[in-house]
Amino acid sequence: MNLLIALLLLTLIPGLWRVWHGPTKTDRLLAMQLFATTGTAALLMLSASGDRDSLVAVALVLAVLAAVMSAALVQLLRGGGNG
């Protein structure tokens, strides 16, 4: 199980590259969504492997925040943000 979690976290390396080098804002947005999805999956796997039920709640909060963040960033990229 720990090997799967480590492999899952290794997928963040290409995501970091995409956030830093773009080339478009959409690429960066999708990479940030990858971070949230990977973090949620890693927390759920840690919860399943170690009898830590509180990590399920943390994973759910992260998933909800990721969805809200994506919606807000899409609105901002469309030019609908005030400021």
PDB file of N, CA and C in Angstrom:
ATOM      1  N   MET A   1       0.829  -1.193   0.000  1.00  0.00           N
ATOM      2  CA  MET A   1       0.000   0.000   0.000  1.00  0.00           C
ATOM      3  C   MET A   1       0.874   1.258   0.000  1.00  0.00           C
ATOM      4  N   ASN A   2       1.975   1.213   0.754  1.00  0.00           N
ATOM      5  CA  ASN A   2       2.860   2.376   0.793  1.00  0.00           C
ATOM      6  C   ASN A   2       3.523   2.620  -0.550  1.00  0.00           C
ATOM      7  N   LEU A   3       3.798   1.558  -1.286  1.00  0.00           N
ATOM      8  CA  LEU A   3       4.374   1.712  -2.618  1.00  0.00           C
ATOM      9  C   LEU A   3       3.382   2.405  -3.554  1.00  0.00           C
ATOM     10  N   LEU A   4       2.116   2.047  -3.455  1.00  0.00           N
ATOM     11  CA  LEU A   4       1.099   2.693  -4.282  1.00  0.00           C
ATOM     12  C   LEU A   4       0.969   4.175  -3.944  1.00  0.00           C
ATOM     13  N   ILE A   5       1.043   4.486  -2.665  1.00  0.00           N
ATOM     14  CA  ILE A   5       0.962   5.888  -2.257  1.00  0.00           C
ATOM     15  C   ILE A   5       2.177   6.653  -2.793  1.00  0.00           C
ATOM     16  N   ALA A   6       3.346   6.049  -2.717  1.00  0.00           N
ATOM     17  CA  ALA A   6       4.551   6.701  -3.228  1.00  0.00           C
ATOM     18  C   ALA A   6       4.462   6.917  -4.741  1.00  0.00           C
ATOM     19  N   LEU A   7       3.976   5.926  -5.468  1.00  0.00           N
ATOM     20  CA  LEU A   7       3.811   6.080  -6.914  1.00  0.00           C
ATOM     21  C   LEU A   7       2.785   7.159  -7.243  1.00  0.00           C
ATOM     22  N   LEU A   8       1.749   7.214  -6.446  1.00  0.00           N
ATOM     23  CA  LEU A   8       0.731   8.239  -6.643  1.00  0.00           C
ATOM     24  C   LEU A   8       1.324   9.628  -6.435  1.00  0.00           C
ATOM     25  N   LEU A   9       2.137   9.770  -5.406  1.00  0.00           N
ATOM     26  CA  LEU A   9       2.743  11.071  -5.132  1.00  0.00           C
ATOM     27  C   LEU A   9       3.799  11.438  -6.173  1.00  0.00           C
ATOM     28  N   LEU A  10       4.387  10.444  -6.836  1.00  0.00           N
ATOM     29  CA  LEU A  10       5.348  10.739  -7.908  1.00  0.00           C
ATOM     30  C   LEU A  10       4.685  11.403  -9.113  1.00  0.00           C
ATOM     31  N   THR A  11       3.386  11.234  -9.252  1.00  0.00           N
ATOM     32  CA  THR A  11       2.689  11.894 -10.358  1.00  0.00           C
ATOM     33  C   THR A  11       2.654  13.407 -10.172  1.00  0.00           C
ATOM     34  N   LEU A  12       2.981  13.879  -8.981  1.00  0.00           N
ATOM     35  CA  LEU A  12       2.989  15.318  -8.749  1.00  0.00           C
ATOM     36  C   LEU A  12       4.180  16.009  -9.415  1.00  0.00           C
ATOM     37  N   ILE A  13       5.229  15.259  -9.716  1.00  0.00           N
ATOM     38  CA  ILE A  13       6.414  15.867 -10.330  1.00  0.00           C
ATOM     39  C   ILE A  13       6.094  16.457 -11.710  1.00  0.00           C
ATOM     40  N   PRO A  14       5.441  15.718 -12.610  1.00  0.00           N
ATOM     41  CA  PRO A  14       5.057  16.362 -13.875  1.00  0.00           C
ATOM     42  C   PRO A  14       4.055  17.502 -13.668  1.00  0.00           C
ATOM     43  N   GLY A  15       3.224  17.377 -12.647  1.00  0.00           N
ATOM     44  CA  GLY A  15       2.289  18.454 -12.343  1.00  0.00           C
ATOM     45  C   GLY A  15       3.000  19.725 -11.923  1.00  0.00           C
ATOM     46  N   LEU A  16       4.057  19.594 -11.117  1.00  0.00           N
ATOM     47  CA  LEU A  16       4.841  20.766 -10.732  1.00  0.00           C
ATOM     48  C   LEU A  16       5.482  21.421 -11.953  1.00  0.00           C
ATOM     49  N   TRP A  17       5.980  20.600 -12.846  1.00  0.00           N
ATOM     50  CA  TRP A  17       6.559  21.123 -14.083  1.00  0.00           C
ATOM     51  C   TRP A  17       5.518  21.929 -14.858  1.00  0.00           C
ATOM     52  N   ARG A  18       4.314  21.390 -14.938  1.00  0.00           N
ATOM     53  CA  ARG A  18       3.257  22.051 -15.689  1.00  0.00           C
ATOM     54  C   ARG A  18       2.846  23.364 -15.028  1.00  0.00           C
ATOM     55  N   VAL A  19       2.823  23.408 -13.693  1.00  0.00           N
ATOM     56  CA  VAL A  19       2.465  24.643 -13.002  1.00  0.00           C
ATOM     57  C   VAL A  19       3.519  25.714 -13.252  1.00  0.00           C
ATOM     58  N   TRP A  20       4.788  25.342 -13.199  1.00  0.00           N
ATOM     59  CA  TRP A  20       5.854  26.329 -13.350  1.00  0.00           C
ATOM     60  C   TRP A  20       6.049  26.799 -14.787  1.00  0.00           C
ATOM     61  N   HIS A  21       5.863  25.911 -15.750  1.00  0.00           N
ATOM     62  CA  HIS A  21       6.213  26.245 -17.119  1.00  0.00           C
ATOM     63  C   HIS A  21       5.024  26.411 -18.057  1.00  0.00           C
ATOM     64  N   GLY A  22       3.831  26.237 -17.563  1.00  0.00           N
ATOM     65  CA  GLY A  22       2.643  26.537 -18.364  1.00  0.00           C
ATOM     66  C   GLY A  22       2.410  25.566 -19.498  1.00  0.00           C
ATOM     67  N   PRO A  23       2.252  25.978 -20.695  1.00  0.00           N
ATOM     68  CA  PRO A  23       2.398  27.322 -21.236  1.00  0.00           C
ATOM     69  C   PRO A  23       1.155  28.196 -21.061  1.00  0.00           C
ATOM     70  N   THR A  24       0.003  27.595 -20.794  1.00  0.00           N
ATOM     71  CA  THR A  24      -1.205  28.417 -20.658  1.00  0.00           C
ATOM     72  C   THR A  24      -1.726  28.342 -19.229  1.00  0.00           C
ATOM     73  N   LYS A  25      -2.621  29.261 -18.919  1.00  0.00           N
ATOM     74  CA  LYS A  25      -3.228  29.279 -17.591  1.00  0.00           C
ATOM     75  C   LYS A  25      -4.100  28.044 -17.367  1.00  0.00           C
ATOM     76  N   THR A  26      -4.677  27.539 -18.432  1.00  0.00           N
ATOM     77  CA  THR A  26      -5.500  26.342 -18.329  1.00  0.00           C
ATOM     78  C   THR A  26      -4.661  25.139 -17.919  1.00  0.00           C
ATOM     79  N   ASP A  27      -3.453  25.035 -18.463  1.00  0.00           N
ATOM     80  CA  ASP A  27      -2.550  23.953 -18.065  1.00  0.00           C
ATOM     81  C   ASP A  27      -2.238  24.030 -16.576  1.00  0.00           C
ATOM     82  N   ARG A  28      -2.015  25.226 -16.098  1.00  0.00           N
ATOM     83  CA  ARG A  28      -1.721  25.413 -14.672  1.00  0.00           C
ATOM     84  C   ARG A  28      -2.926  25.043 -13.819  1.00  0.00           C
ATOM     85  N   LEU A  29      -4.113  25.415 -14.267  1.00  0.00           N
ATOM     86  CA  LEU A  29      -5.336  25.086 -13.531  1.00  0.00           C
ATOM     87  C   LEU A  29      -5.530  23.575 -13.443  1.00  0.00           C
ATOM     88  N   LEU A  30      -5.311  22.872 -14.536  1.00  0.00           N
ATOM     89  CA  LEU A  30      -5.470  21.423 -14.526  1.00  0.00           C
ATOM     90  C   LEU A  30      -4.415  20.744 -13.658  1.00  0.00           C
ATOM     91  N   ALA A  31      -3.220  21.296 -13.617  1.00  0.00           N
ATOM     92  CA  ALA A  31      -2.181  20.739 -12.744  1.00  0.00           C
ATOM     93  C   ALA A  31      -2.561  20.927 -11.280  1.00  0.00           C
ATOM     94  N   MET A  32      -3.132  22.071 -10.934  1.00  0.00           N
ATOM     95  CA  MET A  32      -3.574  22.276  -9.552  1.00  0.00           C
ATOM     96  C   MET A  32      -4.699  21.310  -9.196  1.00  0.00           C
ATOM     97  N   GLN A  33      -5.557  21.016 -10.153  1.00  0.00           N
ATOM     98  CA  GLN A  33      -6.607  20.038  -9.912  1.00  0.00           C
ATOM     99  C   GLN A  33      -6.012  18.649  -9.715  1.00  0.00           C
ATOM    100  N   LEU A  34      -4.931  18.344 -10.431  1.00  0.00           N
ATOM    101  CA  LEU A  34      -4.212  17.085 -10.237  1.00  0.00           C
ATOM    102  C   LEU A  34      -3.688  16.974  -8.816  1.00  0.00           C
ATOM    103  N   PHE A  35      -3.156  18.067  -8.267  1.00  0.00           N
ATOM    104  CA  PHE A  35      -2.655  18.054  -6.889  1.00  0.00           C
ATOM    105  C   PHE A  35      -3.767  17.704  -5.913  1.00  0.00           C
ATOM    106  N   ALA A  36      -4.921  18.310  -6.097  1.00  0.00           N
ATOM    107  CA  ALA A  36      -6.034  18.054  -5.181  1.00  0.00           C
ATOM    108  C   ALA A  36      -6.534  16.613  -5.303  1.00  0.00           C
ATOM    109  N   THR A  37      -6.626  16.113  -6.521  1.00  0.00           N
ATOM    110  CA  THR A  37      -7.082  14.745  -6.732  1.00  0.00           C
ATOM    111  C   THR A  37      -6.087  13.738  -6.155  1.00  0.00           C
ATOM    112  N   THR A  38      -4.807  13.993  -6.389  1.00  0.00           N
ATOM    113  CA  THR A  38      -3.772  13.107  -5.864  1.00  0.00           C
ATOM    114  C   THR A  38      -3.743  13.147  -4.344  1.00  0.00           C
ATOM    115  N   GLY A  39      -3.865  14.332  -3.783  1.00  0.00           N
ATOM    116  CA  GLY A  39      -3.893  14.453  -2.323  1.00  0.00           C
ATOM    117  C   GLY A  39      -5.079  13.737  -1.712  1.00  0.00           C
ATOM    118  N   THR A  40      -6.230  13.854  -2.347  1.00  0.00           N
ATOM    119  CA  THR A  40      -7.419  13.162  -1.862  1.00  0.00           C
ATOM    120  C   THR A  40      -7.228  11.649  -1.917  1.00  0.00           C
ATOM    121  N   ALA A  41      -6.715  11.169  -3.037  1.00  0.00           N
ATOM    122  CA  ALA A  41      -6.484   9.722  -3.175  1.00  0.00           C
ATOM    123  C   ALA A  41      -5.453   9.222  -2.166  1.00  0.00           C
ATOM    124  N   ALA A  42      -4.383   9.982  -1.963  1.00  0.00           N
ATOM    125  CA  ALA A  42      -3.356   9.570  -1.003  1.00  0.00           C
ATOM    126  C   ALA A  42      -3.916   9.529   0.413  1.00  0.00           C
ATOM    127  N   LEU A  43      -4.718  10.524   0.772  1.00  0.00           N
ATOM    128  CA  LEU A  43      -5.319  10.523   2.108  1.00  0.00           C
ATOM    129  C   LEU A  43      -6.271   9.350   2.299  1.00  0.00           C
ATOM    130  N   LEU A  44      -7.050   9.032   1.276  1.00  0.00           N
ATOM    131  CA  LEU A  44      -7.961   7.892   1.381  1.00  0.00           C
ATOM    132  C   LEU A  44      -7.200   6.579   1.490  1.00  0.00           C
ATOM    133  N   MET A  45      -6.095   6.461   0.771  1.00  0.00           N
ATOM    134  CA  MET A  45      -5.297   5.237   0.867  1.00  0.00           C
ATOM    135  C   MET A  45      -4.618   5.132   2.227  1.00  0.00           C
ATOM    136  N   LEU A  46      -4.138   6.256   2.753  1.00  0.00           N
ATOM    137  CA  LEU A  46      -3.554   6.243   4.097  1.00  0.00           C
ATOM    138  C   LEU A  46      -4.594   5.861   5.140  1.00  0.00           C
ATOM    139  N   SER A  47      -5.803   6.348   4.960  1.00  0.00           N
ATOM    140  CA  SER A  47      -6.877   6.016   5.892  1.00  0.00           C
ATOM    141  C   SER A  47      -7.194   4.526   5.854  1.00  0.00           C
ATOM    142  N   ALA A  48      -7.218   3.967   4.656  1.00  0.00           N
ATOM    143  CA  ALA A  48      -7.527   2.545   4.523  1.00  0.00           C
ATOM    144  C   ALA A  48      -6.409   1.665   5.061  1.00  0.00           C
ATOM    145  N   SER A  49      -5.181   2.125   4.945  1.00  0.00           N
ATOM    146  CA  SER A  49      -4.062   1.285   5.367  1.00  0.00           C
ATOM    147  C   SER A  49      -3.777   1.371   6.857  1.00  0.00           C
ATOM    148  N   GLY A  50      -4.234   2.438   7.506  1.00  0.00           N
ATOM    149  CA  GLY A  50      -3.831   2.609   8.893  1.00  0.00           C
ATOM    150  C   GLY A  50      -4.938   2.804   9.891  1.00  0.00           C
ATOM    151  N   ASP A  51      -6.167   2.473   9.580  1.00  0.00           N
ATOM    152  CA  ASP A  51      -7.276   2.594  10.521  1.00  0.00           C
ATOM    153  C   ASP A  51      -7.378   4.011  11.103  1.00  0.00           C
ATOM    154  N   ARG A  52      -7.240   5.000  10.221  1.00  0.00           N
ATOM    155  CA  ARG A  52      -7.349   6.407  10.616  1.00  0.00           C
ATOM    156  C   ARG A  52      -8.577   6.985   9.927  1.00  0.00           C
ATOM    157  N   ASP A  53      -9.704   6.901  10.611  1.00  0.00           N
ATOM    158  CA  ASP A  53     -10.965   7.336  10.015  1.00  0.00           C
ATOM    159  C   ASP A  53     -11.042   8.847   9.819  1.00  0.00           C
ATOM    160  N   SER A  54     -10.291   9.602  10.603  1.00  0.00           N
ATOM    161  CA  SER A  54     -10.353  11.056  10.476  1.00  0.00           C
ATOM    162  C   SER A  54      -9.779  11.526   9.137  1.00  0.00           C
ATOM    163  N   LEU A  55      -8.909  10.749   8.521  1.00  0.00           N
ATOM    164  CA  LEU A  55      -8.344  11.140   7.230  1.00  0.00           C
ATOM    165  C   LEU A  55      -9.396  11.115   6.117  1.00  0.00           C
ATOM    166  N   VAL A  56     -10.446  10.349   6.289  1.00  0.00           N
ATOM    167  CA  VAL A  56     -11.519  10.340   5.290  1.00  0.00           C
ATOM    168  C   VAL A  56     -12.202  11.700   5.269  1.00  0.00           C
ATOM    169  N   ALA A  57     -12.442  12.275   6.449  1.00  0.00           N
ATOM    170  CA  ALA A  57     -13.061  13.597   6.517  1.00  0.00           C
ATOM    171  C   ALA A  57     -12.157  14.657   5.912  1.00  0.00           C
ATOM    172  N   VAL A  58     -10.869  14.551   6.166  1.00  0.00           N
ATOM    173  CA  VAL A  58      -9.913  15.508   5.599  1.00  0.00           C
ATOM    174  C   VAL A  58      -9.894  15.383   4.076  1.00  0.00           C
ATOM    175  N   ALA A  59      -9.937  14.163   3.570  1.00  0.00           N
ATOM    176  CA  ALA A  59      -9.949  13.944   2.124  1.00  0.00           C
ATOM    177  C   ALA A  59     -11.215  14.527   1.490  1.00  0.00           C
ATOM    178  N   LEU A  60     -12.341  14.379   2.153  1.00  0.00           N
ATOM    179  CA  LEU A  60     -13.581  14.941   1.615  1.00  0.00           C
ATOM    180  C   LEU A  60     -13.539  16.463   1.588  1.00  0.00           C
ATOM    181  N   VAL A  61     -13.005  17.062   2.640  1.00  0.00           N
ATOM    182  CA  VAL A  61     -12.875  18.516   2.664  1.00  0.00           C
ATOM    183  C   VAL A  61     -11.946  18.984   1.545  1.00  0.00           C
ATOM    184  N   LEU A  62     -10.840  18.285   1.340  1.00  0.00           N
ATOM    185  CA  LEU A  62      -9.910  18.639   0.263  1.00  0.00           C
ATOM    186  C   LEU A  62     -10.589  18.529  -1.095  1.00  0.00           C
ATOM    187  N   ALA A  63     -11.380  17.499  -1.294  1.00  0.00           N
ATOM    188  CA  ALA A  63     -12.073  17.328  -2.578  1.00  0.00           C
ATOM    189  C   ALA A  63     -13.073  18.456  -2.822  1.00  0.00           C
ATOM    190  N   VAL A  64     -13.808  18.848  -1.789  1.00  0.00           N
ATOM    191  CA  VAL A  64     -14.781  19.938  -1.939  1.00  0.00           C
ATOM    192  C   VAL A  64     -14.059  21.260  -2.201  1.00  0.00           C
ATOM    193  N   LEU A  65     -13.001  21.514  -1.450  1.00  0.00           N
ATOM    194  CA  LEU A  65     -12.238  22.746  -1.671  1.00  0.00           C
ATOM    195  C   LEU A  65     -11.623  22.792  -3.067  1.00  0.00           C
ATOM    196  N   ALA A  66     -11.201  21.658  -3.573  1.00  0.00           N
ATOM    197  CA  ALA A  66     -10.632  21.608  -4.917  1.00  0.00           C
ATOM    198  C   ALA A  66     -11.689  21.949  -5.968  1.00  0.00           C
ATOM    199  N   ALA A  67     -12.882  21.453  -5.776  1.00  0.00           N
ATOM    200  CA  ALA A  67     -13.957  21.760  -6.730  1.00  0.00           C
ATOM    201  C   ALA A  67     -14.304  23.248  -6.697  1.00  0.00           C
ATOM    202  N   VAL A  68     -14.376  23.809  -5.508  1.00  0.00           N
ATOM    203  CA  VAL A  68     -14.680  25.238  -5.380  1.00  0.00           C
ATOM    204  C   VAL A  68     -13.551  26.070  -5.973  1.00  0.00           C
ATOM    205  N   MET A  69     -12.302  25.672  -5.706  1.00  0.00           N
ATOM    206  CA  MET A  69     -11.156  26.390  -6.245  1.00  0.00           C
ATOM    207  C   MET A  69     -11.171  26.369  -7.776  1.00  0.00           C
ATOM    208  N   SER A  70     -11.481  25.230  -8.341  1.00  0.00           N
ATOM    209  CA  SER A  70     -11.513  25.133  -9.804  1.00  0.00           C
ATOM    210  C   SER A  70     -12.596  26.026 -10.390  1.00  0.00           C
ATOM    211  N   ALA A  71     -13.760  26.012  -9.783  1.00  0.00           N
ATOM    212  CA  ALA A  71     -14.844  26.863 -10.278  1.00  0.00           C
ATOM    213  C   ALA A  71     -14.477  28.342 -10.165  1.00  0.00           C
ATOM    214  N   ALA A  72     -13.852  28.719  -9.059  1.00  0.00           N
ATOM    215  CA  ALA A  72     -13.468  30.115  -8.875  1.00  0.00           C
ATOM    216  C   ALA A  72     -12.382  30.529  -9.868  1.00  0.00           C
ATOM    217  N   LEU A  73     -11.412  29.667 -10.097  1.00  0.00           N
ATOM    218  CA  LEU A  73     -10.344  30.010 -11.034  1.00  0.00           C
ATOM    219  C   LEU A  73     -10.844  30.073 -12.474  1.00  0.00           C
ATOM    220  N   VAL A  74     -11.780  29.204 -12.830  1.00  0.00           N
ATOM    221  CA  VAL A  74     -12.357  29.273 -14.176  1.00  0.00           C
ATOM    222  C   VAL A  74     -13.100  30.587 -14.355  1.00  0.00           C
ATOM    223  N   GLN A  75     -13.846  30.981 -13.342  1.00  0.00           N
ATOM    224  CA  GLN A  75     -14.568  32.258 -13.400  1.00  0.00           C
ATOM    225  C   GLN A  75     -13.583  33.416 -13.520  1.00  0.00           C
ATOM    226  N   LEU A  76     -12.492  33.349 -12.785  1.00  0.00           N
ATOM    227  CA  LEU A  76     -11.483  34.403 -12.842  1.00  0.00           C
ATOM    228  C   LEU A  76     -10.811  34.435 -14.210  1.00  0.00           C
ATOM    229  N   LEU A  77     -10.501  33.276 -14.777  1.00  0.00           N
ATOM    230  CA  LEU A  77      -9.856  33.244 -16.090  1.00  0.00           C
ATOM    231  C   LEU A  77     -10.777  33.729 -17.206  1.00  0.00           C
ATOM    232  N   ARG A  78     -12.059  33.574 -17.014  1.00  0.00           N
ATOM    233  CA  ARG A  78     -13.026  34.070 -18.011  1.00  0.00           C
ATOM    234  C   ARG A  78     -13.170  35.588 -17.946  1.00  0.00           C
ATOM    235  N   GLY A  79     -12.672  36.184 -16.879  1.00  0.00           N
ATOM    236  CA  GLY A  79     -12.776  37.629 -16.742  1.00  0.00           C
ATOM    237  C   GLY A  79     -13.959  38.061 -15.906  1.00  0.00           C
ATOM    238  N   GLY A  80     -14.558  37.121 -15.187  1.00  0.00           N
ATOM    239  CA  GLY A  80     -15.713  37.452 -14.376  1.00  0.00           C
ATOM    240  C   GLY A  80     -15.365  37.908 -12.966  1.00  0.00           C
ATOM    241  N   GLY A  81     -14.074  37.883 -12.623  1.00  0.00           N
ATOM    242  CA  GLY A  81     -13.679  38.291 -11.277  1.00  0.00           C
ATOM    243  C   GLY A  81     -13.685  39.804 -11.128  1.00  0.00           C
ATOM    244  N   ASN A  82     -14.054  40.276  -9.983  1.00  0.00           N
ATOM    245  CA  ASN A  82     -14.053  41.702  -9.690  1.00  0.00           C
ATOM    246  C   ASN A  82     -12.741  42.069  -9.036  1.00  0.00           C
ATOM    247  N   GLY A  83     -11.861  42.686  -9.741  1.00  0.00           N
ATOM    248  CA  GLY A  83     -10.625  43.114  -9.117  1.00  0.00           C
ATOM    249  C   GLY A  83      -9.485  42.756  -9.885  1.00  0.00           C
TER     250      GLY A  83
END
